[in-house]
Amino acid sequence: MTILVRLDVLLAERKLKSRGLAQYIGVTEPNLSLLKSGKVKGIRFDTLEKICEALQCQPGDLLEYRADPPEEDQA
């Protein structure tokens, strides 16, 4: 199971810079970069709320679930 963070896509679609979003939501640029790359284990709901407010989106627009491909038996 993989959860993909689509923050970079939404920023590009809205022609916004990471720096401005980081300032708006009250996180550092390095922390926002970690979130964009999917290298975080979780996100606080208040941070998620601020991101959605800034980008005028829903949480589901930011996150995408992808199932792992089924493993094939090697007989």
N, C-alpha and C. Protein backbone atom coordinates (compact mmCIF):
# COMPACT_ATOMS: atom_id res chain seq x y z
N MET A 1 0.85 -1.17 0.00
CA MET A 1 0.00 0.00 0.00
C MET A 1 0.89 1.23 0.00
N THR A 2 0.51 2.20 -0.82
CA THR A 2 1.27 3.43 -0.92
C THR A 2 0.33 4.61 -0.87
N ILE A 3 0.66 5.60 -0.05
CA ILE A 3 -0.06 6.86 -0.03
C ILE A 3 0.84 7.90 -0.69
N LEU A 4 0.35 8.49 -1.76
CA LEU A 4 1.10 9.52 -2.47
C LEU A 4 0.61 10.90 -2.06
N VAL A 5 1.53 11.82 -1.87
CA VAL A 5 1.19 13.20 -1.55
C VAL A 5 1.27 13.99 -2.85
N ARG A 6 0.18 14.63 -3.23
CA ARG A 6 0.08 15.35 -4.49
C ARG A 6 0.24 16.86 -4.31
N LEU A 7 0.90 17.28 -3.24
CA LEU A 7 1.04 18.70 -2.94
C LEU A 7 1.78 19.44 -4.04
N ASP A 8 2.82 18.85 -4.59
CA ASP A 8 3.58 19.51 -5.65
C ASP A 8 2.71 19.76 -6.88
N VAL A 9 1.82 18.82 -7.19
CA VAL A 9 0.91 18.96 -8.33
C VAL A 9 -0.05 20.12 -8.09
N LEU A 10 -0.62 20.18 -6.90
CA LEU A 10 -1.57 21.25 -6.59
C LEU A 10 -0.89 22.62 -6.59
N LEU A 11 0.31 22.69 -6.07
CA LEU A 11 1.04 23.96 -6.09
C LEU A 11 1.29 24.41 -7.53
N ALA A 12 1.68 23.49 -8.38
CA ALA A 12 1.94 23.83 -9.78
C ALA A 12 0.66 24.27 -10.48
N GLU A 13 -0.43 23.56 -10.24
CA GLU A 13 -1.70 23.92 -10.87
C GLU A 13 -2.16 25.32 -10.47
N ARG A 14 -1.85 25.70 -9.24
CA ARG A 14 -2.29 27.00 -8.73
C ARG A 14 -1.21 28.08 -8.87
N LYS A 15 -0.09 27.68 -9.46
CA LYS A 15 1.04 28.59 -9.68
C LYS A 15 1.48 29.27 -8.38
N LEU A 16 1.60 28.46 -7.34
CA LEU A 16 2.05 28.94 -6.04
C LEU A 16 3.42 28.38 -5.72
N LYS A 17 4.16 29.10 -4.91
CA LYS A 17 5.50 28.67 -4.50
C LYS A 17 5.42 28.02 -3.13
N SER A 18 6.31 27.07 -2.90
CA SER A 18 6.37 26.38 -1.60
C SER A 18 6.61 27.37 -0.47
N ARG A 19 7.45 28.36 -0.72
CA ARG A 19 7.80 29.33 0.32
C ARG A 19 6.55 30.05 0.85
N GLY A 20 5.70 30.50 -0.06
CA GLY A 20 4.48 31.20 0.35
C GLY A 20 3.54 30.30 1.12
N LEU A 21 3.39 29.05 0.66
CA LEU A 21 2.53 28.11 1.37
C LEU A 21 3.08 27.81 2.75
N ALA A 22 4.39 27.60 2.84
CA ALA A 22 5.01 27.31 4.14
C ALA A 22 4.75 28.45 5.13
N GLN A 23 4.91 29.68 4.67
CA GLN A 23 4.66 30.82 5.54
C GLN A 23 3.20 30.88 5.96
N TYR A 24 2.30 30.63 5.02
CA TYR A 24 0.87 30.71 5.30
C TYR A 24 0.44 29.68 6.33
N ILE A 25 0.96 28.46 6.21
CA ILE A 25 0.52 27.39 7.12
C ILE A 25 1.35 27.31 8.39
N GLY A 26 2.47 28.06 8.42
CA GLY A 26 3.26 28.12 9.65
C GLY A 26 4.22 26.96 9.84
N VAL A 27 4.81 26.46 8.73
CA VAL A 27 5.83 25.43 8.83
C VAL A 27 7.07 25.92 8.10
N THR A 28 8.19 25.27 8.35
CA THR A 28 9.42 25.64 7.66
C THR A 28 9.40 25.06 6.24
N GLU A 29 10.16 25.68 5.36
CA GLU A 29 10.26 25.16 3.99
C GLU A 29 10.82 23.73 3.95
N PRO A 30 11.84 23.42 4.77
CA PRO A 30 12.31 22.03 4.76
C PRO A 30 11.23 21.02 5.19
N ASN A 31 10.41 21.39 6.17
CA ASN A 31 9.33 20.49 6.59
C ASN A 31 8.29 20.34 5.49
N LEU A 32 7.98 21.42 4.79
CA LEU A 32 7.04 21.34 3.69
C LEU A 32 7.62 20.48 2.56
N SER A 33 8.91 20.59 2.33
CA SER A 33 9.57 19.78 1.32
C SER A 33 9.47 18.29 1.66
N LEU A 34 9.65 17.96 2.94
CA LEU A 34 9.49 16.57 3.37
C LEU A 34 8.08 16.07 3.13
N LEU A 35 7.11 16.92 3.40
CA LEU A 35 5.72 16.55 3.16
C LEU A 35 5.47 16.34 1.67
N LYS A 36 5.97 17.25 0.84
CA LYS A 36 5.79 17.13 -0.61
C LYS A 36 6.40 15.84 -1.15
N SER A 37 7.52 15.43 -0.60
CA SER A 37 8.20 14.23 -1.09
C SER A 37 7.61 12.94 -0.52
N GLY A 38 6.70 13.06 0.45
CA GLY A 38 6.09 11.88 1.04
C GLY A 38 6.95 11.20 2.07
N LYS A 39 7.96 11.91 2.58
CA LYS A 39 8.89 11.32 3.54
C LYS A 39 8.47 11.53 4.99
N VAL A 40 7.21 11.86 5.21
CA VAL A 40 6.71 12.03 6.57
C VAL A 40 5.81 10.85 6.91
N LYS A 41 5.69 10.58 8.20
CA LYS A 41 4.85 9.47 8.65
C LYS A 41 3.42 9.92 8.93
N GLY A 42 3.21 11.22 9.06
CA GLY A 42 1.88 11.72 9.36
C GLY A 42 1.81 13.22 9.20
N ILE A 43 0.60 13.74 9.29
CA ILE A 43 0.37 15.18 9.20
C ILE A 43 -0.71 15.55 10.20
N ARG A 44 -0.50 16.67 10.87
CA ARG A 44 -1.49 17.13 11.84
C ARG A 44 -2.71 17.66 11.10
N PHE A 45 -3.88 17.42 11.66
CA PHE A 45 -5.11 17.87 11.01
C PHE A 45 -5.16 19.38 10.86
N ASP A 46 -4.62 20.12 11.83
CA ASP A 46 -4.66 21.58 11.69
C ASP A 46 -3.77 22.04 10.53
N THR A 47 -2.66 21.35 10.30
CA THR A 47 -1.80 21.66 9.15
C THR A 47 -2.51 21.30 7.86
N LEU A 48 -3.15 20.15 7.82
CA LEU A 48 -3.90 19.72 6.65
C LEU A 48 -5.02 20.73 6.34
N GLU A 49 -5.68 21.20 7.39
CA GLU A 49 -6.76 22.18 7.22
C GLU A 49 -6.23 23.47 6.60
N LYS A 50 -5.08 23.94 7.08
CA LYS A 50 -4.50 25.18 6.54
C LYS A 50 -4.07 25.01 5.09
N ILE A 51 -3.53 23.84 4.76
CA ILE A 51 -3.14 23.59 3.37
C ILE A 51 -4.38 23.61 2.47
N CYS A 52 -5.43 22.94 2.90
CA CYS A 52 -6.66 22.91 2.12
C CYS A 52 -7.25 24.30 1.97
N GLU A 53 -7.18 25.10 3.02
CA GLU A 53 -7.67 26.47 2.96
C GLU A 53 -6.86 27.29 1.96
N ALA A 54 -5.55 27.18 2.03
CA ALA A 54 -4.68 27.95 1.15
C ALA A 54 -4.84 27.55 -0.31
N LEU A 55 -5.01 26.25 -0.56
CA LEU A 55 -5.09 25.76 -1.93
C LEU A 55 -6.52 25.58 -2.42
N GLN A 56 -7.49 25.89 -1.56
CA GLN A 56 -8.90 25.73 -1.91
C GLN A 56 -9.16 24.33 -2.47
N CYS A 57 -8.82 23.34 -1.63
CA CYS A 57 -8.97 21.95 -2.06
C CYS A 57 -9.50 21.11 -0.90
N GLN A 58 -9.74 19.85 -1.18
CA GLN A 58 -10.17 18.89 -0.19
C GLN A 58 -8.98 18.00 0.18
N PRO A 59 -8.98 17.39 1.38
CA PRO A 59 -7.88 16.50 1.74
C PRO A 59 -7.64 15.39 0.71
N GLY A 60 -8.68 14.90 0.10
CA GLY A 60 -8.55 13.86 -0.91
C GLY A 60 -7.84 14.34 -2.17
N ASP A 61 -7.80 15.65 -2.39
CA ASP A 61 -7.05 16.20 -3.52
C ASP A 61 -5.55 16.13 -3.26
N LEU A 62 -5.16 16.10 -2.00
CA LEU A 62 -3.76 16.10 -1.61
C LEU A 62 -3.16 14.71 -1.50
N LEU A 63 -4.00 13.74 -1.17
CA LEU A 63 -3.52 12.39 -0.90
C LEU A 63 -4.14 11.40 -1.87
N GLU A 64 -3.34 10.44 -2.33
CA GLU A 64 -3.81 9.42 -3.25
C GLU A 64 -3.34 8.05 -2.76
N TYR A 65 -4.24 7.09 -2.77
CA TYR A 65 -3.92 5.73 -2.37
C TYR A 65 -3.65 4.90 -3.61
N ARG A 66 -2.56 4.14 -3.57
CA ARG A 66 -2.26 3.18 -4.63
C ARG A 66 -1.95 1.83 -3.99
N ALA A 67 -2.68 0.84 -4.43
CA ALA A 67 -2.45 -0.51 -3.91
C ALA A 67 -1.16 -1.06 -4.51
N ASP A 68 -0.48 -1.89 -3.74
CA ASP A 68 0.71 -2.57 -4.25
C ASP A 68 0.28 -3.57 -5.31
N PRO A 69 1.10 -3.74 -6.33
CA PRO A 69 0.76 -4.76 -7.33
C PRO A 69 0.80 -6.15 -6.70
N PRO A 70 -0.07 -7.04 -7.14
CA PRO A 70 -0.06 -8.40 -6.57
C PRO A 70 1.25 -9.10 -6.89
N GLU A 71 1.73 -9.86 -5.92
CA GLU A 71 2.97 -10.61 -6.13
C GLU A 71 2.66 -11.88 -6.92
N GLU A 72 3.54 -12.18 -7.84
CA GLU A 72 3.35 -13.39 -8.64
C GLU A 72 4.17 -14.51 -8.04
N ASP A 73 3.58 -15.72 -8.04
CA ASP A 73 4.30 -16.89 -7.55
C ASP A 73 5.41 -17.24 -8.54
N GLN A 74 6.55 -17.55 -8.00
CA GLN A 74 7.66 -17.95 -8.86
C GLN A 74 7.91 -19.44 -8.68
N ALA A 75 7.23 -20.22 -9.49
CA ALA A 75 7.33 -21.69 -9.37
C ALA A 75 8.24 -22.25 -10.42
